[in-house]
């Protein structure tokens, strides 16, 4: 399987052991993508990866939220894969000094989910496996 990873992806899944175990014949190429972090060789599906902190900051700050929403709106066949459960993001929010009210965060998340699906995984390894399976299912 050929997987294309955006060159600007800082903590790519290709570094996780689950990728190697799941797909020993995985060929990863690094190219600049106009949106999303990963795609398949036919550019038919896209995955935007988010860590806990990245997901929170992409939704909580109004400038980041508007930028993220615009990115999702111009992308097609994209899903957002988050490396943790939603409950961990809410716990992260509670621990922050400057926190966005939960109802506003939830409303913004719902708005984004109306644009594309969000998948909240148990951890980074599960998110990596889910991404591979999603992009490989043509």
Protein backbone atom coordinates (compact mmCIF):
# COMPACT_ATOMS: atom_id res chain seq x y z
CA UNK A 1 0.00 0.00 0.00
CA UNK A 2 1.20 3.49 -0.84
CA UNK A 3 0.52 6.10 1.81
CA UNK A 4 1.17 9.78 1.21
CA UNK A 5 2.02 11.89 4.24
CA UNK A 6 2.14 15.67 4.17
CA UNK A 7 5.69 16.99 4.47
CA UNK A 8 4.52 19.46 7.14
CA UNK A 9 3.24 16.70 9.45
CA UNK A 10 5.34 17.08 12.62
CA UNK A 11 4.53 13.85 14.49
CA UNK A 12 3.56 11.51 11.71
CA UNK A 13 2.13 8.07 12.26
CA UNK A 14 4.94 6.53 10.23
CA UNK A 15 6.98 6.64 13.42
CA UNK A 16 4.65 4.29 15.31
CA UNK A 17 5.27 0.56 15.53
CA UNK A 18 1.62 -0.22 14.79
CA UNK A 19 2.08 0.88 11.18
CA UNK A 20 4.93 -1.56 10.70
CA UNK A 21 3.05 -4.43 12.34
CA UNK A 22 -0.24 -3.69 10.54
CA UNK A 23 1.20 -3.24 7.05
CA UNK A 24 4.71 -4.61 6.55
CA UNK A 25 4.51 -3.72 2.83
CA UNK A 26 3.61 -0.10 3.59
CA UNK A 27 5.34 2.42 1.36
CA UNK A 28 5.25 5.95 2.79
CA UNK A 29 5.96 8.92 0.53
CA UNK A 30 6.27 12.48 1.74
CA UNK A 31 4.62 15.12 -0.43
CA UNK A 32 3.06 18.51 0.21
CA UNK A 33 -0.72 18.11 0.48
CA UNK A 34 -3.04 21.11 0.07
CA UNK A 35 -5.15 19.85 2.96
CA UNK A 36 -5.13 16.94 5.42
CA UNK A 37 -2.14 14.98 6.66
CA UNK A 38 -2.56 11.66 4.84
CA UNK A 39 -4.04 10.29 1.65
CA UNK A 40 -3.91 7.12 -0.40
CA UNK A 41 -2.21 6.70 -3.76
CA UNK A 42 -5.39 7.58 -5.67
CA UNK A 43 -6.01 10.74 -3.61
CA UNK A 44 -9.55 9.45 -3.05
CA UNK A 45 -9.61 9.67 0.77
CA UNK A 46 -7.95 12.02 3.22
CA UNK A 47 -7.21 11.96 6.95
CA UNK A 48 -6.52 14.96 9.16
CA UNK A 49 -4.69 13.73 12.30
CA UNK A 50 -5.19 15.57 15.58
CA UNK A 51 -3.52 15.07 18.93
CA UNK A 52 -5.40 16.00 22.12
CA UNK A 53 -3.85 19.46 22.38
CA UNK A 54 -4.07 20.13 18.66
CA UNK A 55 -7.75 19.19 18.59
CA UNK A 56 -8.45 21.47 21.53
CA UNK A 57 -6.55 24.43 20.09
CA UNK A 58 -8.07 23.96 16.61
CA UNK A 59 -11.55 24.31 18.08
CA UNK A 60 -11.16 26.60 21.10
CA UNK A 61 -9.47 29.68 19.62
CA UNK A 62 -11.74 31.55 17.21
CA UNK A 63 -8.96 32.20 14.66
CA UNK A 64 -7.83 28.58 14.76
CA UNK A 65 -11.43 27.39 14.57
CA UNK A 66 -12.17 29.55 11.51
CA UNK A 67 -8.97 28.37 9.80
CA UNK A 68 -9.68 24.71 10.58
CA UNK A 69 -13.31 25.00 9.44
CA UNK A 70 -12.20 26.61 6.15
CA UNK A 71 -9.65 23.81 5.62
CA UNK A 72 -12.29 21.12 6.19
CA UNK A 73 -14.77 22.88 3.93
CA UNK A 74 -12.38 22.94 0.98
CA UNK A 75 -11.35 19.33 1.44
CA UNK A 76 -13.41 16.45 0.12
CA UNK A 77 -13.58 12.88 1.36
CA UNK A 78 -11.79 13.84 4.57
CA UNK A 79 -12.17 12.50 8.08
CA UNK A 80 -10.54 13.81 11.26
CA UNK A 81 -8.86 11.13 13.36
CA UNK A 82 -8.21 12.23 16.95
CA UNK A 83 -5.60 10.38 19.01
CA UNK A 84 -7.71 10.25 22.18
CA UNK A 85 -11.32 9.94 23.34
CA UNK A 86 -13.46 13.07 23.55
CA UNK A 87 -13.61 12.63 27.33
CA UNK A 88 -9.84 13.23 27.53
CA UNK A 89 -10.20 16.46 25.57
CA UNK A 90 -12.89 17.62 28.00
CA UNK A 91 -10.59 16.73 30.93
CA UNK A 92 -7.77 18.63 29.22
CA UNK A 93 -10.07 21.63 28.87
CA UNK A 94 -10.90 21.58 32.58
CA UNK A 95 -7.20 21.67 33.49
CA UNK A 96 -6.46 24.68 31.28
CA UNK A 97 -6.09 28.11 32.85
CA UNK A 98 -7.99 29.89 30.06
CA UNK A 99 -10.70 27.45 29.15
CA UNK A 100 -13.49 27.65 26.67
CA UNK A 101 -16.91 26.76 28.13
CA UNK A 102 -17.79 23.16 27.34
CA UNK A 103 -21.05 24.09 25.61
CA UNK A 104 -19.25 26.43 23.17
CA UNK A 105 -16.60 23.80 22.45
CA UNK A 106 -19.34 21.20 21.87
CA UNK A 107 -21.25 23.54 19.54
CA UNK A 108 -18.12 24.23 17.48
CA UNK A 109 -17.28 20.53 17.35
CA UNK A 110 -20.82 19.76 16.15
CA UNK A 111 -20.47 22.40 13.43
CA UNK A 112 -17.26 20.74 12.26
CA UNK A 113 -18.82 17.27 12.42
CA UNK A 114 -21.50 18.50 10.03
CA UNK A 115 -18.69 19.16 7.53
CA UNK A 116 -16.81 15.87 7.97
CA UNK A 117 -16.74 12.91 10.35
CA UNK A 118 -14.56 12.90 13.47
CA UNK A 119 -13.22 9.61 14.83
CA UNK A 120 -12.06 9.69 18.46
CA UNK A 121 -9.67 6.81 19.09
CA UNK A 122 -8.41 5.30 22.33
CA UNK A 123 -4.79 6.36 21.73
CA UNK A 124 -2.19 7.18 19.09
CA UNK A 125 -1.65 3.54 18.13
CA UNK A 126 -5.36 2.95 17.54
CA UNK A 127 -5.55 6.18 15.52
CA UNK A 128 -2.66 5.01 13.34
CA UNK A 129 -4.30 1.64 12.68
CA UNK A 130 -7.67 3.27 11.98
CA UNK A 131 -6.05 5.67 9.51
CA UNK A 132 -4.35 2.81 7.65
CA UNK A 133 -7.54 0.77 7.47
CA UNK A 134 -9.60 3.74 6.32
CA UNK A 135 -7.16 4.74 3.56
CA UNK A 136 -6.65 1.14 2.45
CA UNK A 137 -10.40 0.42 2.13
CA UNK A 138 -11.05 1.55 -1.43
